[in-house]
mmCIF file of all heavy atoms, coordinates in Angstrom:
data_MODEL
# 
_entry.id   MODEL 
# 
loop_
_atom_site.group_PDB 
_atom_site.id 
_atom_site.type_symbol 
_atom_site.label_atom_id 
_atom_site.label_alt_id 
_atom_site.label_comp_id 
_atom_site.label_asym_id 
_atom_site.label_entity_id 
_atom_site.label_seq_id 
_atom_site.pdbx_PDB_ins_code 
_atom_site.Cartn_x 
_atom_site.Cartn_y 
_atom_site.Cartn_z 
_atom_site.occupancy 
_atom_site.B_iso_or_equiv 
_atom_site.pdbx_formal_charge 
_atom_site.auth_seq_id 
_atom_site.auth_comp_id 
_atom_site.auth_asym_id 
_atom_site.auth_atom_id 
_atom_site.pdbx_PDB_model_num 
ATOM 1   N N   . VAL A 1 1  ? -15.365 -11.523 -12.854 1.00 0.00 ? 1  VAL A N   1 
ATOM 2   C CA  . VAL A 1 1  ? -14.877 -10.864 -11.640 1.00 0.00 ? 1  VAL A CA  1 
ATOM 3   C C   . VAL A 1 1  ? -15.960 -10.801 -10.572 1.00 0.00 ? 1  VAL A C   1 
ATOM 4   O O   . VAL A 1 1  ? -15.726 -11.152 -9.407  1.00 0.00 ? 1  VAL A O   1 
ATOM 5   C CB  . VAL A 1 1  ? -14.364 -9.442  -11.962 1.00 0.00 ? 1  VAL A CB  1 
ATOM 6   C CG1 . VAL A 1 1  ? -13.909 -8.739  -10.691 1.00 0.00 ? 1  VAL A CG1 1 
ATOM 7   C CG2 . VAL A 1 1  ? -13.226 -9.492  -12.955 1.00 0.00 ? 1  VAL A CG2 1 
ATOM 8   N N   . THR A 1 2  ? -17.151 -10.350 -10.940 1.00 0.00 ? 2  THR A N   1 
ATOM 9   C CA  . THR A 1 2  ? -18.215 -10.184 -9.935  1.00 0.00 ? 2  THR A CA  1 
ATOM 10  C C   . THR A 1 2  ? -18.666 -11.523 -9.364  1.00 0.00 ? 2  THR A C   1 
ATOM 11  O O   . THR A 1 2  ? -18.891 -11.640 -8.152  1.00 0.00 ? 2  THR A O   1 
ATOM 12  C CB  . THR A 1 2  ? -19.419 -9.453  -10.547 1.00 0.00 ? 2  THR A CB  1 
ATOM 13  O OG1 . THR A 1 2  ? -19.820 -10.111 -11.756 1.00 0.00 ? 2  THR A OG1 1 
ATOM 14  C CG2 . THR A 1 2  ? -19.064 -8.008  -10.857 1.00 0.00 ? 2  THR A CG2 1 
ATOM 15  N N   . ARG A 1 3  ? -18.802 -12.529 -10.208 1.00 0.00 ? 3  ARG A N   1 
ATOM 16  C CA  . ARG A 1 3  ? -19.258 -13.836 -9.717  1.00 0.00 ? 3  ARG A CA  1 
ATOM 17  C C   . ARG A 1 3  ? -18.171 -14.553 -8.922  1.00 0.00 ? 3  ARG A C   1 
ATOM 18  O O   . ARG A 1 3  ? -18.480 -15.375 -8.050  1.00 0.00 ? 3  ARG A O   1 
ATOM 19  C CB  . ARG A 1 3  ? -19.743 -14.691 -10.878 1.00 0.00 ? 3  ARG A CB  1 
ATOM 20  C CG  . ARG A 1 3  ? -21.073 -14.204 -11.467 1.00 0.00 ? 3  ARG A CG  1 
ATOM 21  C CD  . ARG A 1 3  ? -21.535 -15.069 -12.629 1.00 0.00 ? 3  ARG A CD  1 
ATOM 22  N NE  . ARG A 1 3  ? -22.843 -14.647 -13.123 1.00 0.00 ? 3  ARG A NE  1 
ATOM 23  C CZ  . ARG A 1 3  ? -24.003 -15.087 -12.657 1.00 0.00 ? 3  ARG A CZ  1 
ATOM 24  N NH1 . ARG A 1 3  ? -24.020 -15.968 -11.657 1.00 0.00 ? 3  ARG A NH1 1 
ATOM 25  N NH2 . ARG A 1 3  ? -25.141 -14.664 -13.161 1.00 0.00 ? 3  ARG A NH2 1 
ATOM 26  N N   . THR A 1 4  ? -16.916 -14.275 -9.217  1.00 0.00 ? 4  THR A N   1 
ATOM 27  C CA  . THR A 1 4  ? -15.827 -14.902 -8.469  1.00 0.00 ? 4  THR A CA  1 
ATOM 28  C C   . THR A 1 4  ? -15.630 -14.251 -7.113  1.00 0.00 ? 4  THR A C   1 
ATOM 29  O O   . THR A 1 4  ? -15.484 -14.931 -6.088  1.00 0.00 ? 4  THR A O   1 
ATOM 30  C CB  . THR A 1 4  ? -14.508 -14.828 -9.269  1.00 0.00 ? 4  THR A CB  1 
ATOM 31  O OG1 . THR A 1 4  ? -14.676 -15.496 -10.518 1.00 0.00 ? 4  THR A OG1 1 
ATOM 32  C CG2 . THR A 1 4  ? -13.373 -15.493 -8.497  1.00 0.00 ? 4  THR A CG2 1 
ATOM 33  N N   . LEU A 1 5  ? -15.635 -12.936 -7.066  1.00 0.00 ? 5  LEU A N   1 
ATOM 34  C CA  . LEU A 1 5  ? -15.320 -12.224 -5.835  1.00 0.00 ? 5  LEU A CA  1 
ATOM 35  C C   . LEU A 1 5  ? -16.527 -11.985 -4.944  1.00 0.00 ? 5  LEU A C   1 
ATOM 36  O O   . LEU A 1 5  ? -16.383 -11.876 -3.719  1.00 0.00 ? 5  LEU A O   1 
ATOM 37  C CB  . LEU A 1 5  ? -14.667 -10.873 -6.165  1.00 0.00 ? 5  LEU A CB  1 
ATOM 38  C CG  . LEU A 1 5  ? -13.302 -10.918 -6.866  1.00 0.00 ? 5  LEU A CG  1 
ATOM 39  C CD1 . LEU A 1 5  ? -12.799 -9.500  -7.147  1.00 0.00 ? 5  LEU A CD1 1 
ATOM 40  C CD2 . LEU A 1 5  ? -12.286 -11.685 -6.028  1.00 0.00 ? 5  LEU A CD2 1 
ATOM 41  N N   . GLY A 1 6  ? -17.739 -11.868 -5.515  1.00 0.00 ? 6  GLY A N   1 
ATOM 42  C CA  . GLY A 1 6  ? -18.890 -11.489 -4.721  1.00 0.00 ? 6  GLY A CA  1 
ATOM 43  C C   . GLY A 1 6  ? -18.916 -9.982  -4.517  1.00 0.00 ? 6  GLY A C   1 
ATOM 44  O O   . GLY A 1 6  ? -17.943 -9.282  -4.795  1.00 0.00 ? 6  GLY A O   1 
ATOM 45  N N   . ILE A 1 7  ? -20.023 -9.484  -4.004  1.00 0.00 ? 7  ILE A N   1 
ATOM 46  C CA  . ILE A 1 7  ? -20.223 -8.043  -3.986  1.00 0.00 ? 7  ILE A CA  1 
ATOM 47  C C   . ILE A 1 7  ? -19.252 -7.322  -3.045  1.00 0.00 ? 7  ILE A C   1 
ATOM 48  O O   . ILE A 1 7  ? -18.765 -6.230  -3.343  1.00 0.00 ? 7  ILE A O   1 
ATOM 49  C CB  . ILE A 1 7  ? -21.694 -7.707  -3.618  1.00 0.00 ? 7  ILE A CB  1 
ATOM 50  C CG1 . ILE A 1 7  ? -21.969 -6.225  -3.912  1.00 0.00 ? 7  ILE A CG1 1 
ATOM 51  C CG2 . ILE A 1 7  ? -22.006 -8.071  -2.182  1.00 0.00 ? 7  ILE A CG2 1 
ATOM 52  C CD1 . ILE A 1 7  ? -23.450 -5.889  -3.862  1.00 0.00 ? 7  ILE A CD1 1 
ATOM 53  N N   . ALA A 1 8  ? -18.897 -7.929  -1.904  1.00 0.00 ? 8  ALA A N   1 
ATOM 54  C CA  . ALA A 1 8  ? -18.021 -7.247  -0.947  1.00 0.00 ? 8  ALA A CA  1 
ATOM 55  C C   . ALA A 1 8  ? -16.589 -7.180  -1.468  1.00 0.00 ? 8  ALA A C   1 
ATOM 56  O O   . ALA A 1 8  ? -15.963 -6.109  -1.469  1.00 0.00 ? 8  ALA A O   1 
ATOM 57  C CB  . ALA A 1 8  ? -18.064 -7.959  0.399   1.00 0.00 ? 8  ALA A CB  1 
ATOM 58  N N   . ARG A 1 9  ? -16.046 -8.318  -1.908  1.00 0.00 ? 9  ARG A N   1 
ATOM 59  C CA  . ARG A 1 9  ? -14.660 -8.309  -2.410  1.00 0.00 ? 9  ARG A CA  1 
ATOM 60  C C   . ARG A 1 9  ? -14.563 -7.591  -3.753  1.00 0.00 ? 9  ARG A C   1 
ATOM 61  O O   . ARG A 1 9  ? -13.525 -6.993  -4.072  1.00 0.00 ? 9  ARG A O   1 
ATOM 62  C CB  . ARG A 1 9  ? -14.123 -9.728  -2.511  1.00 0.00 ? 9  ARG A CB  1 
ATOM 63  C CG  . ARG A 1 9  ? -13.807 -10.353 -1.148  1.00 0.00 ? 9  ARG A CG  1 
ATOM 64  C CD  . ARG A 1 9  ? -13.000 -11.622 -1.292  1.00 0.00 ? 9  ARG A CD  1 
ATOM 65  N NE  . ARG A 1 9  ? -13.747 -12.636 -2.049  1.00 0.00 ? 9  ARG A NE  1 
ATOM 66  C CZ  . ARG A 1 9  ? -13.197 -13.717 -2.586  1.00 0.00 ? 9  ARG A CZ  1 
ATOM 67  N NH1 . ARG A 1 9  ? -11.882 -13.914 -2.480  1.00 0.00 ? 9  ARG A NH1 1 
ATOM 68  N NH2 . ARG A 1 9  ? -13.933 -14.585 -3.238  1.00 0.00 ? 9  ARG A NH2 1 
ATOM 69  N N   . PHE A 1 10 ? -15.639 -7.651  -4.555  1.00 0.00 ? 10 PHE A N   1 
ATOM 70  C CA  . PHE A 1 10 ? -15.621 -6.859  -5.781  1.00 0.00 ? 10 PHE A CA  1 
ATOM 71  C C   . PHE A 1 10 ? -15.589 -5.369  -5.444  1.00 0.00 ? 10 PHE A C   1 
ATOM 72  O O   . PHE A 1 10 ? -14.957 -4.578  -6.153  1.00 0.00 ? 10 PHE A O   1 
ATOM 73  C CB  . PHE A 1 10 ? -16.847 -7.167  -6.645  1.00 0.00 ? 10 PHE A CB  1 
ATOM 74  C CG  . PHE A 1 10 ? -16.938 -6.309  -7.876  1.00 0.00 ? 10 PHE A CG  1 
ATOM 75  C CD1 . PHE A 1 10 ? -16.097 -6.522  -8.960  1.00 0.00 ? 10 PHE A CD1 1 
ATOM 76  C CD2 . PHE A 1 10 ? -17.860 -5.273  -7.950  1.00 0.00 ? 10 PHE A CD2 1 
ATOM 77  C CE1 . PHE A 1 10 ? -16.165 -5.717  -10.089 1.00 0.00 ? 10 PHE A CE1 1 
ATOM 78  C CE2 . PHE A 1 10 ? -17.942 -4.467  -9.075  1.00 0.00 ? 10 PHE A CE2 1 
ATOM 79  C CZ  . PHE A 1 10 ? -17.096 -4.700  -10.144 1.00 0.00 ? 10 PHE A CZ  1 
ATOM 80  N N   . GLY A 1 11 ? -16.273 -4.988  -4.366  1.00 0.00 ? 11 GLY A N   1 
ATOM 81  C CA  . GLY A 1 11 ? -16.208 -3.602  -3.929  1.00 0.00 ? 11 GLY A CA  1 
ATOM 82  C C   . GLY A 1 11 ? -14.798 -3.202  -3.560  1.00 0.00 ? 11 GLY A C   1 
ATOM 83  O O   . GLY A 1 11 ? -14.342 -2.088  -3.883  1.00 0.00 ? 11 GLY A O   1 
ATOM 84  N N   . GLU A 1 12 ? -14.062 -4.100  -2.911  1.00 0.00 ? 12 GLU A N   1 
ATOM 85  C CA  . GLU A 1 12 ? -12.663 -3.826  -2.569  1.00 0.00 ? 12 GLU A CA  1 
ATOM 86  C C   . GLU A 1 12 ? -11.833 -3.646  -3.845  1.00 0.00 ? 12 GLU A C   1 
ATOM 87  O O   . GLU A 1 12 ? -11.029 -2.713  -3.958  1.00 0.00 ? 12 GLU A O   1 
ATOM 88  C CB  . GLU A 1 12 ? -12.112 -4.985  -1.736  1.00 0.00 ? 12 GLU A CB  1 
ATOM 89  C CG  . GLU A 1 12 ? -10.755 -4.728  -1.132  1.00 0.00 ? 12 GLU A CG  1 
ATOM 90  C CD  . GLU A 1 12 ? -10.325 -5.866  -0.216  1.00 0.00 ? 12 GLU A CD  1 
ATOM 91  O OE1 . GLU A 1 12 ? -11.063 -6.865  -0.114  1.00 0.00 ? 12 GLU A OE1 1 
ATOM 92  O OE2 . GLU A 1 12 ? -9.243  -5.756  0.379   1.00 0.00 ? 12 GLU A OE2 1 
ATOM 93  N N   . PHE A 1 13 ? -12.035 -4.526  -4.799  1.00 0.00 ? 13 PHE A N   1 
ATOM 94  C CA  . PHE A 1 13 ? -11.362 -4.434  -6.097  1.00 0.00 ? 13 PHE A CA  1 
ATOM 95  C C   . PHE A 1 13 ? -11.718 -3.125  -6.803  1.00 0.00 ? 13 PHE A C   1 
ATOM 96  O O   . PHE A 1 13 ? -10.855 -2.435  -7.366  1.00 0.00 ? 13 PHE A O   1 
ATOM 97  C CB  . PHE A 1 13 ? -11.783 -5.638  -6.950  1.00 0.00 ? 13 PHE A CB  1 
ATOM 98  C CG  . PHE A 1 13 ? -11.318 -5.584  -8.380  1.00 0.00 ? 13 PHE A CG  1 
ATOM 99  C CD1 . PHE A 1 13 ? -9.994  -5.824  -8.712  1.00 0.00 ? 13 PHE A CD1 1 
ATOM 100 C CD2 . PHE A 1 13 ? -12.211 -5.316  -9.402  1.00 0.00 ? 13 PHE A CD2 1 
ATOM 101 C CE1 . PHE A 1 13 ? -9.567  -5.786  -10.035 1.00 0.00 ? 13 PHE A CE1 1 
ATOM 102 C CE2 . PHE A 1 13 ? -11.798 -5.272  -10.722 1.00 0.00 ? 13 PHE A CE2 1 
ATOM 103 C CZ  . PHE A 1 13 ? -10.472 -5.506  -11.037 1.00 0.00 ? 13 PHE A CZ  1 
ATOM 104 N N   . THR A 1 14 ? -12.978 -2.755  -6.737  1.00 0.00 ? 14 THR A N   1 
ATOM 105 C CA  . THR A 1 14 ? -13.456 -1.518  -7.351  1.00 0.00 ? 14 THR A CA  1 
ATOM 106 C C   . THR A 1 14 ? -12.763 -0.297  -6.765  1.00 0.00 ? 14 THR A C   1 
ATOM 107 O O   . THR A 1 14 ? -12.394 0.638   -7.486  1.00 0.00 ? 14 THR A O   1 
ATOM 108 C CB  . THR A 1 14 ? -14.975 -1.407  -7.134  1.00 0.00 ? 14 THR A CB  1 
ATOM 109 O OG1 . THR A 1 14 ? -15.638 -2.300  -8.009  1.00 0.00 ? 14 THR A OG1 1 
ATOM 110 C CG2 . THR A 1 14 ? -15.476 0.003   -7.397  1.00 0.00 ? 14 THR A CG2 1 
ATOM 111 N N   . LEU A 1 15 ? -12.574 -0.277  -5.459  1.00 0.00 ? 15 LEU A N   1 
ATOM 112 C CA  . LEU A 1 15 ? -11.954 0.873   -4.818  1.00 0.00 ? 15 LEU A CA  1 
ATOM 113 C C   . LEU A 1 15 ? -10.481 1.009   -5.213  1.00 0.00 ? 15 LEU A C   1 
ATOM 114 O O   . LEU A 1 15 ? -9.970  2.123   -5.336  1.00 0.00 ? 15 LEU A O   1 
ATOM 115 C CB  . LEU A 1 15 ? -12.095 0.761   -3.302  1.00 0.00 ? 15 LEU A CB  1 
ATOM 116 C CG  . LEU A 1 15 ? -13.540 0.881   -2.785  1.00 0.00 ? 15 LEU A CG  1 
ATOM 117 C CD1 . LEU A 1 15 ? -13.615 0.574   -1.296  1.00 0.00 ? 15 LEU A CD1 1 
ATOM 118 C CD2 . LEU A 1 15 ? -14.094 2.270   -3.074  1.00 0.00 ? 15 LEU A CD2 1 
ATOM 119 N N   . VAL A 1 16 ? -9.804  -0.113  -5.421  1.00 0.00 ? 16 VAL A N   1 
ATOM 120 C CA  . VAL A 1 16 ? -8.416  -0.063  -5.893  1.00 0.00 ? 16 VAL A CA  1 
ATOM 121 C C   . VAL A 1 16 ? -8.365  0.540   -7.289  1.00 0.00 ? 16 VAL A C   1 
ATOM 122 O O   . VAL A 1 16 ? -7.582  1.463   -7.572  1.00 0.00 ? 16 VAL A O   1 
ATOM 123 C CB  . VAL A 1 16 ? -7.795  -1.475  -5.901  1.00 0.00 ? 16 VAL A CB  1 
ATOM 124 C CG1 . VAL A 1 16 ? -6.439  -1.455  -6.614  1.00 0.00 ? 16 VAL A CG1 1 
ATOM 125 C CG2 . VAL A 1 16 ? -7.631  -1.998  -4.481  1.00 0.00 ? 16 VAL A CG2 1 
ATOM 126 N N   . ILE A 1 17 ? -9.208  0.024   -8.185  1.00 0.00 ? 17 ILE A N   1 
ATOM 127 C CA  . ILE A 1 17 ? -9.232  0.525   -9.562  1.00 0.00 ? 17 ILE A CA  1 
ATOM 128 C C   . ILE A 1 17 ? -9.661  1.985   -9.576  1.00 0.00 ? 17 ILE A C   1 
ATOM 129 O O   . ILE A 1 17 ? -9.111  2.819   -10.307 1.00 0.00 ? 17 ILE A O   1 
ATOM 130 C CB  . ILE A 1 17 ? -10.175 -0.320  -10.435 1.00 0.00 ? 17 ILE A CB  1 
ATOM 131 C CG1 . ILE A 1 17 ? -9.783  -1.807  -10.380 1.00 0.00 ? 17 ILE A CG1 1 
ATOM 132 C CG2 . ILE A 1 17 ? -10.148 0.177   -11.876 1.00 0.00 ? 17 ILE A CG2 1 
ATOM 133 C CD1 . ILE A 1 17 ? -8.390  -2.096  -10.851 1.00 0.00 ? 17 ILE A CD1 1 
ATOM 134 N N   . GLY A 1 18 ? -10.661 2.329   -8.768  1.00 0.00 ? 18 GLY A N   1 
ATOM 135 C CA  . GLY A 1 18 ? -11.154 3.709   -8.724  1.00 0.00 ? 18 GLY A CA  1 
ATOM 136 C C   . GLY A 1 18 ? -10.106 4.688   -8.240  1.00 0.00 ? 18 GLY A C   1 
ATOM 137 O O   . GLY A 1 18 ? -10.035 5.829   -8.724  1.00 0.00 ? 18 GLY A O   1 
ATOM 138 N N   . THR A 1 19 ? -9.289  4.277   -7.280  1.00 0.00 ? 19 THR A N   1 
ATOM 139 C CA  . THR A 1 19 ? -8.210  5.151   -6.802  1.00 0.00 ? 19 THR A CA  1 
ATOM 140 C C   . THR A 1 19 ? -7.226  5.451   -7.925  1.00 0.00 ? 19 THR A C   1 
ATOM 141 O O   . THR A 1 19 ? -6.831  6.607   -8.143  1.00 0.00 ? 19 THR A O   1 
ATOM 142 C CB  . THR A 1 19 ? -7.472  4.485   -5.623  1.00 0.00 ? 19 THR A CB  1 
ATOM 143 O OG1 . THR A 1 19 ? -8.396  4.263   -4.551  1.00 0.00 ? 19 THR A OG1 1 
ATOM 144 C CG2 . THR A 1 19 ? -6.335  5.365   -5.133  1.00 0.00 ? 19 THR A CG2 1 
ATOM 145 N N   . ALA A 1 20 ? -6.831  4.417   -8.658  1.00 0.00 ? 20 ALA A N   1 
ATOM 146 C CA  . ALA A 1 20 ? -5.895  4.607   -9.775  1.00 0.00 ? 20 ALA A CA  1 
ATOM 147 C C   . ALA A 1 20 ? -6.500  5.485   -10.859 1.00 0.00 ? 20 ALA A C   1 
ATOM 148 O O   . ALA A 1 20 ? -5.837  6.364   -11.417 1.00 0.00 ? 20 ALA A O   1 
ATOM 149 C CB  . ALA A 1 20 ? -5.488  3.253   -10.355 1.00 0.00 ? 20 ALA A CB  1 
ATOM 150 N N   . GLN A 1 21 ? -7.770  5.271   -11.172 1.00 0.00 ? 21 GLN A N   1 
ATOM 151 C CA  . GLN A 1 21 ? -8.435  6.062   -12.202 1.00 0.00 ? 21 GLN A CA  1 
ATOM 152 C C   . GLN A 1 21 ? -8.545  7.531   -11.800 1.00 0.00 ? 21 GLN A C   1 
ATOM 153 O O   . GLN A 1 21 ? -8.405  8.434   -12.632 1.00 0.00 ? 21 GLN A O   1 
ATOM 154 C CB  . GLN A 1 21 ? -9.821  5.488   -12.478 1.00 0.00 ? 21 GLN A CB  1 
ATOM 155 C CG  . GLN A 1 21 ? -9.795  4.150   -13.185 1.00 0.00 ? 21 GLN A CG  1 
ATOM 156 C CD  . GLN A 1 21 ? -11.188 3.595   -13.411 1.00 0.00 ? 21 GLN A CD  1 
ATOM 157 O OE1 . GLN A 1 21 ? -12.154 4.074   -12.821 1.00 0.00 ? 21 GLN A OE1 1 
ATOM 158 N NE2 . GLN A 1 21 ? -11.293 2.598   -14.255 1.00 0.00 ? 21 GLN A NE2 1 
ATOM 159 N N   . THR A 1 22 ? -8.815  7.774   -10.527 1.00 0.00 ? 22 THR A N   1 
ATOM 160 C CA  . THR A 1 22 ? -8.933  9.149   -10.053 1.00 0.00 ? 22 THR A CA  1 
ATOM 161 C C   . THR A 1 22 ? -7.600  9.876   -10.176 1.00 0.00 ? 22 THR A C   1 
ATOM 162 O O   . THR A 1 22 ? -7.540  11.027  -10.641 1.00 0.00 ? 22 THR A O   1 
ATOM 163 C CB  . THR A 1 22 ? -9.412  9.170   -8.594  1.00 0.00 ? 22 THR A CB  1 
ATOM 164 O OG1 . THR A 1 22 ? -10.689 8.514   -8.513  1.00 0.00 ? 22 THR A OG1 1 
ATOM 165 C CG2 . THR A 1 22 ? -9.562  10.591  -8.091  1.00 0.00 ? 22 THR A CG2 1 
ATOM 166 N N   . ILE A 1 23 ? -6.521  9.217   -9.776  1.00 0.00 ? 23 ILE A N   1 
ATOM 167 C CA  . ILE A 1 23 ? -5.192  9.835   -9.876  1.00 0.00 ? 23 ILE A CA  1 
ATOM 168 C C   . ILE A 1 23 ? -4.825  10.074  -11.335 1.00 0.00 ? 23 ILE A C   1 
ATOM 169 O O   . ILE A 1 23 ? -4.335  11.155  -11.707 1.00 0.00 ? 23 ILE A O   1 
ATOM 170 C CB  . ILE A 1 23 ? -4.145  8.941   -9.191  1.00 0.00 ? 23 ILE A CB  1 
ATOM 171 C CG1 . ILE A 1 23 ? -4.404  8.892   -7.684  1.00 0.00 ? 23 ILE A CG1 1 
ATOM 172 C CG2 . ILE A 1 23 ? -2.728  9.448   -9.476  1.00 0.00 ? 23 ILE A CG2 1 
ATOM 173 C CD1 . ILE A 1 23 ? -3.576  7.867   -6.954  1.00 0.00 ? 23 ILE A CD1 1 
ATOM 174 N N   . THR A 1 24 ? -5.061  9.085   -12.187 1.00 0.00 ? 24 THR A N   1 
ATOM 175 C CA  . THR A 1 24 ? -4.734  9.224   -13.608 1.00 0.00 ? 24 THR A CA  1 
ATOM 176 C C   . THR A 1 24 ? -5.527  10.361  -14.237 1.00 0.00 ? 24 THR A C   1 
ATOM 177 O O   . THR A 1 24 ? -5.004  11.146  -15.030 1.00 0.00 ? 24 THR A O   1 
ATOM 178 C CB  . THR A 1 24 ? -5.019  7.908   -14.356 1.00 0.00 ? 24 THR A CB  1 
ATOM 179 O OG1 . THR A 1 24 ? -4.330  6.840   -13.718 1.00 0.00 ? 24 THR A OG1 1 
ATOM 180 C CG2 . THR A 1 24 ? -4.567  7.990   -15.801 1.00 0.00 ? 24 THR A CG2 1 
ATOM 181 N N   . GLY A 1 25 ? -6.806  10.460  -13.898 1.00 0.00 ? 25 GLY A N   1 
ATOM 182 C CA  . GLY A 1 25 ? -7.631  11.532  -14.428 1.00 0.00 ? 25 GLY A CA  1 
ATOM 183 C C   . GLY A 1 25 ? -7.214  12.899  -13.919 1.00 0.00 ? 25 GLY A C   1 
ATOM 184 O O   . GLY A 1 25 ? -7.319  13.897  -14.637 1.00 0.00 ? 25 GLY A O   1 
# 
């Protein structure tokens, strides 16, 4: 994931996952 997306797009992916994790928690 990190090598495919790079740091900026991986950050975008991270924020999507983080939003879901925060709501679930």
